[in-house]
PDB file of N, CA and C in Angstrom:
ATOM      1  N   MET A   1    -156.596 107.921  62.133  1.00  0.00           N
ATOM      2  CA  MET A   1    -155.640 108.648  61.327  1.00  0.00           C
ATOM      3  C   MET A   1    -155.762 108.188  59.878  1.00  0.00           C
ATOM      4  N   SER A   2    -155.764 109.140  58.978  1.00  0.00           N
ATOM      5  CA  SER A   2    -155.788 108.821  57.555  1.00  0.00           C
ATOM      6  C   SER A   2    -154.383 108.493  57.079  1.00  0.00           C
ATOM      7  N   VAL A   3    -154.321 107.567  56.135  1.00  0.00           N
ATOM      8  CA  VAL A   3    -153.052 107.166  55.532  1.00  0.00           C
ATOM      9  C   VAL A   3    -153.164 107.396  54.036  1.00  0.00           C
ATOM     10  N   VAL A   4    -152.206 108.117  53.469  1.00  0.00           N
ATOM     11  CA  VAL A   4    -152.186 108.352  52.031  1.00  0.00           C
ATOM     12  C   VAL A   4    -150.878 107.809  51.472  1.00  0.00           C
ATOM     13  N   LEU A   5    -150.978 107.163  50.321  1.00  0.00           N
ATOM     14  CA  LEU A   5    -149.820 106.586  49.637  1.00  0.00           C
ATOM     15  C   LEU A   5    -149.587 107.330  48.335  1.00  0.00           C
ATOM     16  N   ILE A   6    -148.373 107.831  48.153  1.00  0.00           N
ATOM     17  CA  ILE A   6    -147.968 108.501  46.920  1.00  0.00           C
ATOM     18  C   ILE A   6    -147.114 107.515  46.135  1.00  0.00           C
ATOM     19  N   VAL A   7    -147.560 107.149  44.924  1.00  0.00           N
ATOM     20  CA  VAL A   7    -146.818 106.213  44.085  1.00  0.00           C
ATOM     21  C   VAL A   7    -146.378 106.958  42.833  1.00  0.00           C
ATOM     22  N   ASP A   8    -145.090 107.253  42.750  1.00  0.00           N
ATOM     23  CA  ASP A   8    -144.547 108.022  41.624  1.00  0.00           C
ATOM     24  C   ASP A   8    -143.058 107.729  41.535  1.00  0.00           C
ATOM     25  N   ASP A   9    -142.560 107.533  40.325  1.00  0.00           N
ATOM     26  CA  ASP A   9    -141.139 107.238  40.171  1.00  0.00           C
ATOM     27  C   ASP A   9    -140.255 108.469  40.304  1.00  0.00           C
ATOM     28  N   SER A  10    -140.838 109.645  40.306  1.00  0.00           N
ATOM     29  CA  SER A  10    -140.073 110.883  40.468  1.00  0.00           C
ATOM     30  C   SER A  10    -139.884 111.193  41.953  1.00  0.00           C
ATOM     31  N   THR A  11    -138.638 111.150  42.388  1.00  0.00           N
ATOM     32  CA  THR A  11    -138.329 111.485  43.776  1.00  0.00           C
ATOM     33  C   THR A  11    -138.784 112.899  44.103  1.00  0.00           C
ATOM     34  N   ALA A  12    -138.598 113.813  43.164  1.00  0.00           N
ATOM     35  CA  ALA A  12    -138.976 115.216  43.383  1.00  0.00           C
ATOM     36  C   ALA A  12    -140.482 115.359  43.568  1.00  0.00           C
ATOM     37  N   VAL A  13    -141.267 114.698  42.715  1.00  0.00           N
ATOM     38  CA  VAL A  13    -142.730 114.782  42.839  1.00  0.00           C
ATOM     39  C   VAL A  13    -143.172 114.209  44.180  1.00  0.00           C
ATOM     40  N   ARG A  14    -142.644 113.035  44.523  1.00  0.00           N
ATOM     41  CA  ARG A  14    -143.019 112.426  45.810  1.00  0.00           C
ATOM     42  C   ARG A  14    -142.683 113.355  46.973  1.00  0.00           C
ATOM     43  N   ALA A  15    -141.498 113.951  46.940  1.00  0.00           N
ATOM     44  CA  ALA A  15    -141.064 114.816  48.043  1.00  0.00           C
ATOM     45  C   ALA A  15    -141.948 116.054  48.166  1.00  0.00           C
ATOM     46  N   VAL A  16    -142.227 116.701  47.044  1.00  0.00           N
ATOM     47  CA  VAL A  16    -143.049 117.920  47.080  1.00  0.00           C
ATOM     48  C   VAL A  16    -144.464 117.599  47.555  1.00  0.00           C
ATOM     49  N   VAL A  17    -145.050 116.544  47.006  1.00  0.00           N
ATOM     50  CA  VAL A  17    -146.418 116.174  47.397  1.00  0.00           C
ATOM     51  C   VAL A  17    -146.455 115.752  48.866  1.00  0.00           C
ATOM     52  N   ALA A  18    -145.487 114.949  49.298  1.00  0.00           N
ATOM     53  CA  ALA A  18    -145.454 114.505  50.697  1.00  0.00           C
ATOM     54  C   ALA A  18    -145.288 115.683  51.649  1.00  0.00           C
ATOM     55  N   ASP A  19    -144.399 116.609  51.310  1.00  0.00           N
ATOM     56  CA  ASP A  19    -144.201 117.785  52.163  1.00  0.00           C
ATOM     57  C   ASP A  19    -145.477 118.617  52.258  1.00  0.00           C
ATOM     58  N   TYR A  20    -146.142 118.799  51.127  1.00  0.00           N
ATOM     59  CA  TYR A  20    -147.377 119.585  51.136  1.00  0.00           C
ATOM     60  C   TYR A  20    -148.460 118.888  51.962  1.00  0.00           C
ATOM     61  N   LEU A  21    -148.620 117.583  51.762  1.00  0.00           N
ATOM     62  CA  LEU A  21    -149.653 116.860  52.502  1.00  0.00           C
ATOM     63  C   LEU A  21    -149.374 116.877  54.004  1.00  0.00           C
ATOM     64  N   ALA A  22    -148.106 116.755  54.383  1.00  0.00           N
ATOM     65  CA  ALA A  22    -147.742 116.801  55.803  1.00  0.00           C
ATOM     66  C   ALA A  22    -148.069 118.169  56.401  1.00  0.00           C
ATOM     67  N   TYR A  23    -147.920 119.211  55.606  1.00  0.00           N
ATOM     68  CA  TYR A  23    -148.255 120.566  56.050  1.00  0.00           C
ATOM     69  C   TYR A  23    -149.776 120.764  56.121  1.00  0.00           C
ATOM     70  N   LYS A  24    -150.470 120.357  55.059  1.00  0.00           N
ATOM     71  CA  LYS A  24    -151.912 120.593  54.944  1.00  0.00           C
ATOM     72  C   LYS A  24    -152.724 119.684  55.866  1.00  0.00           C
ATOM     73  N   PHE A  25    -152.270 118.447  56.005  1.00  0.00           N
ATOM     74  CA  PHE A  25    -152.985 117.445  56.802  1.00  0.00           C
ATOM     75  C   PHE A  25    -152.008 116.849  57.823  1.00  0.00           C
ATOM     76  N   PRO A  26    -151.663 117.579  58.881  1.00  0.00           N
ATOM     77  CA  PRO A  26    -150.594 117.149  59.791  1.00  0.00           C
ATOM     78  C   PRO A  26    -150.876 115.846  60.541  1.00  0.00           C
ATOM     79  N   ASP A  27    -152.121 115.435  60.634  1.00  0.00           N
ATOM     80  CA  ASP A  27    -152.445 114.196  61.341  1.00  0.00           C
ATOM     81  C   ASP A  27    -152.355 112.962  60.447  1.00  0.00           C
ATOM     82  N   TRP A  28    -152.111 113.151  59.172  1.00  0.00           N
ATOM     83  CA  TRP A  28    -152.065 112.034  58.241  1.00  0.00           C
ATOM     84  C   TRP A  28    -150.707 111.356  58.256  1.00  0.00           C
ATOM     85  N   LYS A  29    -150.728 110.063  57.998  1.00  0.00           N
ATOM     86  CA  LYS A  29    -149.502 109.300  57.769  1.00  0.00           C
ATOM     87  C   LYS A  29    -149.273 109.294  56.259  1.00  0.00           C
ATOM     88  N   ILE A  30    -148.105 109.734  55.828  1.00  0.00           N
ATOM     89  CA  ILE A  30    -147.781 109.841  54.405  1.00  0.00           C
ATOM     90  C   ILE A  30    -146.780 108.750  54.052  1.00  0.00           C
ATOM     91  N   LEU A  31    -147.145 107.898  53.099  1.00  0.00           N
ATOM     92  CA  LEU A  31    -146.264 106.837  52.620  1.00  0.00           C
ATOM     93  C   LEU A  31    -145.858 107.129  51.183  1.00  0.00           C
ATOM     94  N   GLN A  32    -144.692 106.617  50.783  1.00  0.00           N
ATOM     95  CA  GLN A  32    -144.207 106.841  49.426  1.00  0.00           C
ATOM     96  C   GLN A  32    -143.699 105.539  48.822  1.00  0.00           C
ATOM     97  N   ALA A  33    -143.982 105.377  47.527  1.00  0.00           N
ATOM     98  CA  ALA A  33    -143.474 104.237  46.764  1.00  0.00           C
ATOM     99  C   ALA A  33    -143.004 104.745  45.412  1.00  0.00           C
ATOM    100  N   GLU A  34    -141.932 104.127  44.882  1.00  0.00           N
ATOM    101  CA  GLU A  34    -141.372 104.620  43.626  1.00  0.00           C
ATOM    102  C   GLU A  34    -141.841 103.860  42.395  1.00  0.00           C
ATOM    103  N   ASP A  35    -142.632 102.812  42.575  1.00  0.00           N
ATOM    104  CA  ASP A  35    -143.188 102.096  41.426  1.00  0.00           C
ATOM    105  C   ASP A  35    -144.408 101.301  41.882  1.00  0.00           C
ATOM    106  N   GLY A  36    -145.083 100.697  40.915  1.00  0.00           N
ATOM    107  CA  GLY A  36    -146.303  99.968  41.222  1.00  0.00           C
ATOM    108  C   GLY A  36    -146.101  98.772  42.127  1.00  0.00           C
ATOM    109  N   VAL A  37    -144.977  98.083  41.981  1.00  0.00           N
ATOM    110  CA  VAL A  37    -144.701  96.915  42.820  1.00  0.00           C
ATOM    111  C   VAL A  37    -144.600  97.334  44.287  1.00  0.00           C
ATOM    112  N   GLU A  38    -143.801  98.361  44.543  1.00  0.00           N
ATOM    113  CA  GLU A  38    -143.656  98.854  45.910  1.00  0.00           C
ATOM    114  C   GLU A  38    -144.987  99.417  46.425  1.00  0.00           C
ATOM    115  N   GLY A  39    -145.740 100.057  45.537  1.00  0.00           N
ATOM    116  CA  GLY A  39    -147.041 100.588  45.915  1.00  0.00           C
ATOM    117  C   GLY A  39    -148.004  99.499  46.365  1.00  0.00           C
ATOM    118  N   LEU A  40    -148.025  98.385  45.639  1.00  0.00           N
ATOM    119  CA  LEU A  40    -148.895  97.269  46.022  1.00  0.00           C
ATOM    120  C   LEU A  40    -148.484  96.685  47.369  1.00  0.00           C
ATOM    121  N   THR A  41    -147.187  96.539  47.569  1.00  0.00           N
ATOM    122  CA  THR A  41    -146.691  96.002  48.836  1.00  0.00           C
ATOM    123  C   THR A  41    -147.100  96.892  50.003  1.00  0.00           C
ATOM    124  N   LEU A  42    -146.880  98.195  49.863  1.00  0.00           N
ATOM    125  CA  LEU A  42    -147.259  99.122  50.935  1.00  0.00           C
ATOM    126  C   LEU A  42    -148.771  99.151  51.152  1.00  0.00           C
ATOM    127  N   THR A  43    -149.533  99.011  50.078  1.00  0.00           N
ATOM    128  CA  THR A  43    -150.994  98.992  50.212  1.00  0.00           C
ATOM    129  C   THR A  43    -151.439  97.791  51.035  1.00  0.00           C
ATOM    130  N   GLN A  44    -150.857  96.633  50.776  1.00  0.00           N
ATOM    131  CA  GLN A  44    -151.215  95.436  51.542  1.00  0.00           C
ATOM    132  C   GLN A  44    -150.837  95.579  53.014  1.00  0.00           C
ATOM    133  N   LEU A  45    -149.694  96.199  53.282  1.00  0.00           N
ATOM    134  CA  LEU A  45    -149.216  96.338  54.659  1.00  0.00           C
ATOM    135  C   LEU A  45    -149.932  97.436  55.440  1.00  0.00           C
ATOM    136  N   GLU A  46    -150.195  98.556  54.793  1.00  0.00           N
ATOM    137  CA  GLU A  46    -150.653  99.758  55.495  1.00  0.00           C
ATOM    138  C   GLU A  46    -152.128 100.108  55.292  1.00  0.00           C
ATOM    139  N   LYS A  47    -152.767  99.542  54.282  1.00  0.00           N
ATOM    140  CA  LYS A  47    -154.182  99.820  53.979  1.00  0.00           C
ATOM    141  C   LYS A  47    -154.473 101.328  53.944  1.00  0.00           C
ATOM    142  N   PRO A  48    -153.896 102.050  52.980  1.00  0.00           N
ATOM    143  CA  PRO A  48    -154.118 103.501  52.923  1.00  0.00           C
ATOM    144  C   PRO A  48    -155.579 103.848  52.647  1.00  0.00           C
ATOM    145  N   ASN A  49    -155.962 105.050  53.060  1.00  0.00           N
ATOM    146  CA  ASN A  49    -157.302 105.566  52.790  1.00  0.00           C
ATOM    147  C   ASN A  49    -157.394 106.183  51.406  1.00  0.00           C
ATOM    148  N   LEU A  50    -156.233 106.473  50.803  1.00  0.00           N
ATOM    149  CA  LEU A  50    -156.173 107.143  49.511  1.00  0.00           C
ATOM    150  C   LEU A  50    -154.828 106.841  48.869  1.00  0.00           C
ATOM    151  N   ILE A  51    -154.850 106.665  47.536  1.00  0.00           N
ATOM    152  CA  ILE A  51    -153.612 106.457  46.781  1.00  0.00           C
ATOM    153  C   ILE A  51    -153.532 107.506  45.682  1.00  0.00           C
ATOM    154  N   LEU A  52    -152.387 108.183  45.606  1.00  0.00           N
ATOM    155  CA  LEU A  52    -152.074 109.084  44.495  1.00  0.00           C
ATOM    156  C   LEU A  52    -151.128 108.309  43.595  1.00  0.00           C
ATOM    157  N   MET A  53    -151.558 108.019  42.352  1.00  0.00           N
ATOM    158  CA  MET A  53    -150.834 107.087  41.487  1.00  0.00           C
ATOM    159  C   MET A  53    -150.412 107.738  40.179  1.00  0.00           C
ATOM    160  N   ASP A  54    -149.104 107.696  39.906  1.00  0.00           N
ATOM    161  CA  ASP A  54    -148.578 108.112  38.613  1.00  0.00           C
ATOM    162  C   ASP A  54    -148.841 106.991  37.612  1.00  0.00           C
ATOM    163  N   ALA A  55    -148.833 107.319  36.331  1.00  0.00           N
ATOM    164  CA  ALA A  55    -149.088 106.316  35.296  1.00  0.00           C
ATOM    165  C   ALA A  55    -147.806 105.621  34.844  1.00  0.00           C
ATOM    166  N   ASP A  56    -146.855 106.395  34.381  1.00  0.00           N
ATOM    167  CA  ASP A  56    -145.655 105.832  33.756  1.00  0.00           C
ATOM    168  C   ASP A  56    -144.543 105.655  34.779  1.00  0.00           C
ATOM    169  N   MET A  57    -144.329 104.383  35.171  1.00  0.00           N
ATOM    170  CA  MET A  57    -143.294 104.040  36.149  1.00  0.00           C
ATOM    171  C   MET A  57    -142.626 102.744  35.723  1.00  0.00           C
ATOM    172  N   PRO A  58    -141.391 102.509  36.178  1.00  0.00           N
ATOM    173  CA  PRO A  58    -140.716 101.251  35.851  1.00  0.00           C
ATOM    174  C   PRO A  58    -141.299 100.075  36.637  1.00  0.00           C
ATOM    175  N   TYR A  59    -140.966  98.877  36.203  1.00  0.00           N
ATOM    176  CA  TYR A  59    -141.335  97.606  36.840  1.00  0.00           C
ATOM    177  C   TYR A  59    -142.823  97.303  36.735  1.00  0.00           C
ATOM    178  N   MET A  60    -143.663  98.176  37.250  1.00  0.00           N
ATOM    179  CA  MET A  60    -145.109  98.027  37.113  1.00  0.00           C
ATOM    180  C   MET A  60    -145.696  99.429  37.019  1.00  0.00           C
ATOM    181  N   ASN A  61    -146.372  99.710  35.905  1.00  0.00           N
ATOM    182  CA  ASN A  61    -146.921 101.060  35.735  1.00  0.00           C
ATOM    183  C   ASN A  61    -148.188 101.245  36.582  1.00  0.00           C
ATOM    184  N   GLY A  62    -148.672 102.464  36.602  1.00  0.00           N
ATOM    185  CA  GLY A  62    -149.822 102.790  37.429  1.00  0.00           C
ATOM    186  C   GLY A  62    -151.091 102.055  37.032  1.00  0.00           C
ATOM    187  N   TYR A  63    -151.272 101.845  35.733  1.00  0.00           N
ATOM    188  CA  TYR A  63    -152.456 101.119  35.276  1.00  0.00           C
ATOM    189  C   TYR A  63    -152.426  99.674  35.768  1.00  0.00           C
ATOM    190  N   GLU A  64    -151.275  99.018  35.626  1.00  0.00           N
ATOM    191  CA  GLU A  64    -151.158  97.628  36.079  1.00  0.00           C
ATOM    192  C   GLU A  64    -151.383  97.526  37.590  1.00  0.00           C
ATOM    193  N   ALA A  65    -150.817  98.469  38.328  1.00  0.00           N
ATOM    194  CA  ALA A  65    -151.006  98.465  39.784  1.00  0.00           C
ATOM    195  C   ALA A  65    -152.475  98.699  40.139  1.00  0.00           C
ATOM    196  N   ALA A  66    -153.108  99.652  39.468  1.00  0.00           N
ATOM    197  CA  ALA A  66    -154.523  99.936  39.734  1.00  0.00           C
ATOM    198  C   ALA A  66    -155.399  98.728  39.402  1.00  0.00           C
ATOM    199  N   GLN A  67    -155.072  98.021  38.316  1.00  0.00           N
ATOM    200  CA  GLN A  67    -155.819  96.804  37.968  1.00  0.00           C
ATOM    201  C   GLN A  67    -155.763  95.806  39.118  1.00  0.00           C
ATOM    202  N   LYS A  68    -154.572  95.572  39.638  1.00  0.00           N
ATOM    203  CA  LYS A  68    -154.410  94.611  40.734  1.00  0.00           C
ATOM    204  C   LYS A  68    -155.154  95.077  41.990  1.00  0.00           C
ATOM    205  N   LEU A  69    -155.104  96.369  42.262  1.00  0.00           N
ATOM    206  CA  LEU A  69    -155.828  96.900  43.420  1.00  0.00           C
ATOM    207  C   LEU A  69    -157.330  96.713  43.265  1.00  0.00           C
ATOM    208  N   ARG A  70    -157.846  96.946  42.075  1.00  0.00           N
ATOM    209  CA  ARG A  70    -159.288  96.832  41.826  1.00  0.00           C
ATOM    210  C   ARG A  70    -159.756  95.373  41.823  1.00  0.00           C
ATOM    211  N   GLN A  71    -158.849  94.434  41.567  1.00  0.00           N
ATOM    212  CA  GLN A  71    -159.215  93.016  41.529  1.00  0.00           C
ATOM    213  C   GLN A  71    -159.238  92.369  42.912  1.00  0.00           C
ATOM    214  N   SER A  72    -158.586  92.984  43.876  1.00  0.00           N
ATOM    215  CA  SER A  72    -158.491  92.394  45.208  1.00  0.00           C
ATOM    216  C   SER A  72    -159.630  92.888  46.104  1.00  0.00           C
ATOM    217  N   PRO A  73    -160.334  91.976  46.762  1.00  0.00           N
ATOM    218  CA  PRO A  73    -161.405  92.391  47.670  1.00  0.00           C
ATOM    219  C   PRO A  73    -160.909  93.314  48.787  1.00  0.00           C
ATOM    220  N   ASP A  74    -159.657  93.149  49.201  1.00  0.00           N
ATOM    221  CA  ASP A  74    -159.103  93.954  50.295  1.00  0.00           C
ATOM    222  C   ASP A  74    -158.789  95.385  49.892  1.00  0.00           C
ATOM    223  N   THR A  75    -158.574  95.621  48.594  1.00  0.00           N
ATOM    224  CA  THR A  75    -158.106  96.947  48.163  1.00  0.00           C
ATOM    225  C   THR A  75    -158.985  97.608  47.107  1.00  0.00           C
ATOM    226  N   LYS A  76    -160.000  96.911  46.626  1.00  0.00           N
ATOM    227  CA  LYS A  76    -160.778  97.454  45.505  1.00  0.00           C
ATOM    228  C   LYS A  76    -161.517  98.743  45.846  1.00  0.00           C
ATOM    229  N   GLY A  77    -161.783  98.987  47.120  1.00  0.00           N
ATOM    230  CA  GLY A  77    -162.518 100.185  47.511  1.00  0.00           C
ATOM    231  C   GLY A  77    -161.652 101.388  47.851  1.00  0.00           C
ATOM    232  N   ILE A  78    -160.333 101.228  47.804  1.00  0.00           N
ATOM    233  CA  ILE A  78    -159.452 102.350  48.129  1.00  0.00           C
ATOM    234  C   ILE A  78    -159.490 103.347  46.976  1.00  0.00           C
ATOM    235  N   PRO A  79    -159.817 104.605  47.249  1.00  0.00           N
ATOM    236  CA  PRO A  79    -159.850 105.589  46.163  1.00  0.00           C
ATOM    237  C   PRO A  79    -158.453 105.857  45.609  1.00  0.00           C
ATOM    238  N   ILE A  80    -158.407 106.006  44.287  1.00  0.00           N
ATOM    239  CA  ILE A  80    -157.159 106.294  43.577  1.00  0.00           C
ATOM    240  C   ILE A  80    -157.331 107.602  42.819  1.00  0.00           C
ATOM    241  N   ILE A  81    -156.378 108.500  42.998  1.00  0.00           N
ATOM    242  CA  ILE A  81    -156.301 109.703  42.174  1.00  0.00           C
ATOM    243  C   ILE A  81    -155.107 109.529  41.255  1.00  0.00           C
ATOM    244  N   ALA A  82    -155.369 109.525  39.954  1.00  0.00           N
ATOM    245  CA  ALA A  82    -154.287 109.432  38.969  1.00  0.00           C
ATOM    246  C   ALA A  82    -153.608 110.795  38.879  1.00  0.00           C
ATOM    247  N   ILE A  83    -152.292 110.799  39.036  1.00  0.00           N
ATOM    248  CA  ILE A  83    -151.517 112.032  38.861  1.00  0.00           C
ATOM    249  C   ILE A  83    -150.521 111.765  37.741  1.00  0.00           C
ATOM    250  N   SER A  84    -150.787 112.338  36.586  1.00  0.00           N
ATOM    251  CA  SER A  84    -149.966 112.049  35.416  1.00  0.00           C
ATOM    252  C   SER A  84    -150.069 113.190  34.433  1.00  0.00           C
ATOM    253  N   ASP A  85    -149.090 113.246  33.521  1.00  0.00           N
ATOM    254  CA  ASP A  85    -149.173 114.286  32.489  1.00  0.00           C
ATOM    255  C   ASP A  85    -150.206 113.926  31.429  1.00  0.00           C
ATOM    256  N   GLY A  86    -150.717 112.708  31.471  1.00  0.00           N
ATOM    257  CA  GLY A  86    -151.819 112.312  30.602  1.00  0.00           C
ATOM    258  C   GLY A  86    -151.464 112.126  29.149  1.00  0.00           C
ATOM    259  N   SER A  87    -150.180 112.068  28.829  1.00  0.00           N
ATOM    260  CA  SER A  87    -149.782 112.018  27.426  1.00  0.00           C
ATOM    261  C   SER A  87    -149.599 110.604  26.893  1.00  0.00           C
ATOM    262  N   SER A  88    -149.755 109.595  27.724  1.00  0.00           N
ATOM    263  CA  SER A  88    -149.526 108.225  27.268  1.00  0.00           C
ATOM    264  C   SER A  88    -150.816 107.412  27.296  1.00  0.00           C
ATOM    265  N   ASN A  89    -150.783 106.276  26.594  1.00  0.00           N
ATOM    266  CA  ASN A  89    -151.916 105.352  26.647  1.00  0.00           C
ATOM    267  C   ASN A  89    -152.086 104.792  28.053  1.00  0.00           C
ATOM    268  N   VAL A  90    -150.968 104.591  28.748  1.00  0.00           N
ATOM    269  CA  VAL A  90    -151.030 104.085  30.119  1.00  0.00           C
ATOM    270  C   VAL A  90    -151.800 105.068  31.000  1.00  0.00           C
ATOM    271  N   ALA A  91    -151.547 106.358  30.822  1.00  0.00           N
ATOM    272  CA  ALA A  91    -152.262 107.374  31.604  1.00  0.00           C
ATOM    273  C   ALA A  91    -153.756 107.320  31.311  1.00  0.00           C
ATOM    274  N   SER A  92    -154.115 107.208  30.045  1.00  0.00           N
ATOM    275  CA  SER A  92    -155.533 107.129  29.676  1.00  0.00           C
ATOM    276  C   SER A  92    -156.192 105.915  30.310  1.00  0.00           C
ATOM    277  N   ASP A  93    -155.489 104.778  30.286  1.00  0.00           N
ATOM    278  CA  ASP A  93    -156.023 103.563  30.896  1.00  0.00           C
ATOM    279  C   ASP A  93    -156.154 103.712  32.413  1.00  0.00           C
ATOM    280  N   LEU A  94    -155.158 104.335  33.039  1.00  0.00           N
ATOM    281  CA  LEU A  94    -155.205 104.546  34.487  1.00  0.00           C
ATOM    282  C   LEU A  94    -156.386 105.428  34.868  1.00  0.00           C
ATOM    283  N   TYR A  95    -156.657 106.451  34.066  1.00  0.00           N
ATOM    284  CA  TYR A  95    -157.778 107.354  34.354  1.00  0.00           C
ATOM    285  C   TYR A  95    -159.090 106.580  34.462  1.00  0.00           C
ATOM    286  N   VAL A  96    -159.255 105.548  33.631  1.00  0.00           N
ATOM    287  CA  VAL A  96    -160.490 104.758  33.635  1.00  0.00           C
ATOM    288  C   VAL A  96    -160.679 104.039  34.974  1.00  0.00           C
ATOM    289  N   LEU A  97    -159.586 103.576  35.567  1.00  0.00           N
ATOM    290  CA  LEU A  97    -159.670 102.826  36.823  1.00  0.00           C
ATOM    291  C   LEU A  97    -159.624 103.715  38.066  1.00  0.00           C
ATOM    292  N   SER A  98    -159.387 104.991  37.881  1.00  0.00           N
ATOM    293  CA  SER A  98    -159.216 105.914  39.006  1.00  0.00           C
ATOM    294  C   SER A  98    -160.528 106.594  39.377  1.00  0.00           C
ATOM    295  N   ASP A  99    -160.568 107.072  40.592  1.00  0.00           N
ATOM    296  CA  ASP A  99    -161.729 107.823  41.065  1.00  0.00           C
ATOM    297  C   ASP A  99    -161.688 109.262  40.595  1.00  0.00           C
ATOM    298  N   ALA A 100    -160.490 109.736  40.294  1.00  0.00           N
ATOM    299  CA  ALA A 100    -160.301 111.104  39.805  1.00  0.00           C
ATOM    300  C   ALA A 100    -158.937 111.177  39.134  1.00  0.00           C
ATOM    301  N   ALA A 101    -158.756 112.208  38.327  1.00  0.00           N
ATOM    302  CA  ALA A 101    -157.477 112.411  37.644  1.00  0.00           C
ATOM    303  C   ALA A 101    -157.034 113.850  37.835  1.00  0.00           C
ATOM    304  N   LEU A 102    -155.763 114.014  38.116  1.00  0.00           N
ATOM    305  CA  LEU A 102    -155.180 115.333  38.308  1.00  0.00           C
ATOM    306  C   LEU A 102    -153.962 115.432  37.395  1.00  0.00           C
ATOM    307  N   PRO A 103    -154.106 116.163  36.279  1.00  0.00           N
ATOM    308  CA  PRO A 103    -152.991 116.247  35.335  1.00  0.00           C
ATOM    309  C   PRO A 103    -151.813 117.038  35.903  1.00  0.00           C
ATOM    310  N   LYS A 104    -150.608 116.527  35.630  1.00  0.00           N
ATOM    311  CA  LYS A 104    -149.381 117.254  35.989  1.00  0.00           C
ATOM    312  C   LYS A 104    -149.121 118.301  34.923  1.00  0.00           C
ATOM    313  N   PRO A 105    -148.603 119.442  35.259  1.00  0.00           N
ATOM    314  CA  PRO A 105    -148.344 119.907  36.620  1.00  0.00           C
ATOM    315  C   PRO A 105    -149.635 120.393  37.280  1.00  0.00           C
ATOM    316  N   PHE A 106    -149.712 120.270  38.587  1.00  0.00           N
ATOM    317  CA  PHE A 106    -150.880 120.738  39.326  1.00  0.00           C
ATOM    318  C   PHE A 106    -150.411 121.602  40.490  1.00  0.00           C
ATOM    319  N   SER A 107    -151.315 122.444  40.955  1.00  0.00           N
ATOM    320  CA  SER A 107    -150.983 123.326  42.080  1.00  0.00           C
ATOM    321  C   SER A 107    -151.335 122.636  43.398  1.00  0.00           C
ATOM    322  N   ALA A 108    -150.818 123.172  44.473  1.00  0.00           N
ATOM    323  CA  ALA A 108    -151.131 122.654  45.799  1.00  0.00           C
ATOM    324  C   ALA A 108    -152.627 122.755  46.080  1.00  0.00           C
ATOM    325  N   ASP A 109    -153.227 123.866  45.667  1.00  0.00           N
ATOM    326  CA  ASP A 109    -154.666 124.038  45.876  1.00  0.00           C
ATOM    327  C   ASP A 109    -155.473 123.014  45.086  1.00  0.00           C
ATOM    328  N   GLU A 110    -155.064 122.740  43.848  1.00  0.00           N
ATOM    329  CA  GLU A 110    -155.768 121.738  43.035  1.00  0.00           C
ATOM    330  C   GLU A 110    -155.660 120.362  43.679  1.00  0.00           C
ATOM    331  N   LEU A 111    -154.486 120.024  44.178  1.00  0.00           N
ATOM    332  CA  LEU A 111    -154.290 118.734  44.837  1.00  0.00           C
ATOM    333  C   LEU A 111    -155.171 118.626  46.078  1.00  0.00           C
ATOM    334  N   SER A 112    -155.143 119.637  46.904  1.00  0.00           N
ATOM    335  CA  SER A 112    -155.933 119.632  48.133  1.00  0.00           C
ATOM    336  C   SER A 112    -157.425 119.509  47.839  1.00  0.00           C
ATOM    337  N   GLU A 113    -157.901 120.280  46.878  1.00  0.00           N
ATOM    338  CA  GLU A 113    -159.319 120.243  46.513  1.00  0.00           C
ATOM    339  C   GLU A 113    -159.718 118.867  45.985  1.00  0.00           C
ATOM    340  N   MET A 114    -158.878 118.281  45.140  1.00  0.00           N
ATOM    341  CA  MET A 114    -159.176 116.963  44.581  1.00  0.00           C
ATOM    342  C   MET A 114    -159.219 115.908  45.685  1.00  0.00           C
ATOM    343  N   ILE A 115    -158.259 115.936  46.582  1.00  0.00           N
ATOM    344  CA  ILE A 115    -158.234 114.975  47.688  1.00  0.00           C
ATOM    345  C   ILE A 115    -159.495 115.107  48.536  1.00  0.00           C
ATOM    346  N   GLU A 116    -159.852 116.318  48.882  1.00  0.00           N
ATOM    347  CA  GLU A 116    -161.037 116.527  49.712  1.00  0.00           C
ATOM    348  C   GLU A 116    -162.307 116.062  49.007  1.00  0.00           C
ATOM    349  N   GLN A 117    -162.413 116.306  47.700  1.00  0.00           N
ATOM    350  CA  GLN A 117    -163.589 115.852  46.944  1.00  0.00           C
ATOM    351  C   GLN A 117    -163.677 114.330  46.918  1.00  0.00           C
ATOM    352  N   VAL A 118    -162.562 113.685  46.642  1.00  0.00           N
ATOM    353  CA  VAL A 118    -162.558 112.219  46.548  1.00  0.00           C
ATOM    354  C   VAL A 118    -162.865 111.597  47.908  1.00  0.00           C
ATOM    355  N   LEU A 119    -162.244 112.090  48.959  1.00  0.00           N
ATOM    356  CA  LEU A 119    -162.506 111.531  50.283  1.00  0.00           C
ATOM    357  C   LEU A 119    -163.943 111.790  50.727  1.00  0.00           C
ATOM    358  N   GLN A 120    -164.499 112.926  50.364  1.00  0.00           N
ATOM    359  CA  GLN A 120    -165.896 113.223  50.692  1.00  0.00           C
ATOM    360  C   GLN A 120    -166.833 112.235  49.996  1.00  0.00           C
ATOM    361  N   ARG A 121    -166.547 111.913  48.742  1.00  0.00           N
ATOM    362  CA  ARG A 121    -167.382 110.945  48.008  1.00  0.00           C
ATOM    363  C   ARG A 121    -167.296 109.556  48.631  1.00  0.00           C
ATOM    364  N   HIS A 122    -166.133 109.199  49.154  1.00  0.00           N
ATOM    365  CA  HIS A 122    -165.945 107.861  49.710  1.00  0.00           C
ATOM    366  C   HIS A 122    -166.316 107.760  51.185  1.00  0.00           C
ATOM    367  N   ASN A 123    -166.342 108.885  51.869  1.00  0.00           N
ATOM    368  CA  ASN A 123    -166.675 108.903  53.295  1.00  0.00           C
ATOM    369  C   ASN A 123    -167.636 110.047  53.580  1.00  0.00           C
ATOM    370  N   PRO A 124    -168.842 110.010  53.015  1.00  0.00           N
ATOM    371  CA  PRO A 124    -169.761 111.135  53.217  1.00  0.00           C
ATOM    372  C   PRO A 124    -170.148 111.282  54.685  1.00  0.00           C
ATOM    373  N   VAL A 125    -170.252 112.515  55.102  1.00  0.00           N
ATOM    374  CA  VAL A 125    -170.671 112.806  56.475  1.00  0.00           C
ATOM    375  C   VAL A 125    -172.192 112.754  56.521  1.00  0.00           C
ATOM    376  N   ALA A 126    -172.723 112.033  57.478  1.00  0.00           N
ATOM    377  CA  ALA A 126    -174.182 111.877  57.580  1.00  0.00           C
ATOM    378  C   ALA A 126    -174.846 113.152  58.020  1.00  0.00           C
TER     379      ALA A 126
END
């Protein structure tokens, strides 16, 4: 079973994305975190196959969380898709550490296509 972690301080964004992913990928386990600190904790506990990470969040922003993920041997290979409006320096920095970037607002089709592309690159079928 694939596990995806949505890290975003917006309850509405997390809910919409989680609902869509549960519909599109019914066999997946969907986890949610409201900031980078909670995201790191869930990553250590659950070892997600994919992380959708917002940039601007309280306590620990997406860039700081991505840095910590990339520094750890246990988590450095987990693909990260940055989901942000891209208007801040933090978003620009997060994009550098991410496998892909999806600017907000995005459509369900754009999200699905991006997820499938990133997972295909990380788990190519022989």
